[in-house]
Amino acid sequence: MMKTRIAGIPCLVDVTSYTPADSGSFFEPPSGPEIGYEVYDRRGYKANWLLAKLTDDDDLAILEQHEASLREGRDQARIDAYLDSLEARALA
């Protein structure tokens, strides 16, 4: 779960679905990223009442935060693979 804010209220968001942006093709128009999520209060209880306060800016911030965490995870995986390759060379 990600820590975030909706309408300035601290909360937790659990991403349930994510589709990255698609640049499209000759036959298909481009489409933006899509995200689905559940909102919880800081104690972990479902907070559907916060969804009523959700703005487009909040939704975009949640999407950007999720995409940043995906990039961070991908970067960490690359770093780990590089370190593993250095270790393998040192042992060879």
Foldseek 3Di string as FASTA:
>chain_A
DDWDDFVNAIWDKDWPDKDAWDCADPPGHTDHIDTDIFIGHPVRHGDVVSVVRHDPVRVVVVVVVVVVVVVVVVVVVVVVVVVVVVVVVVVD
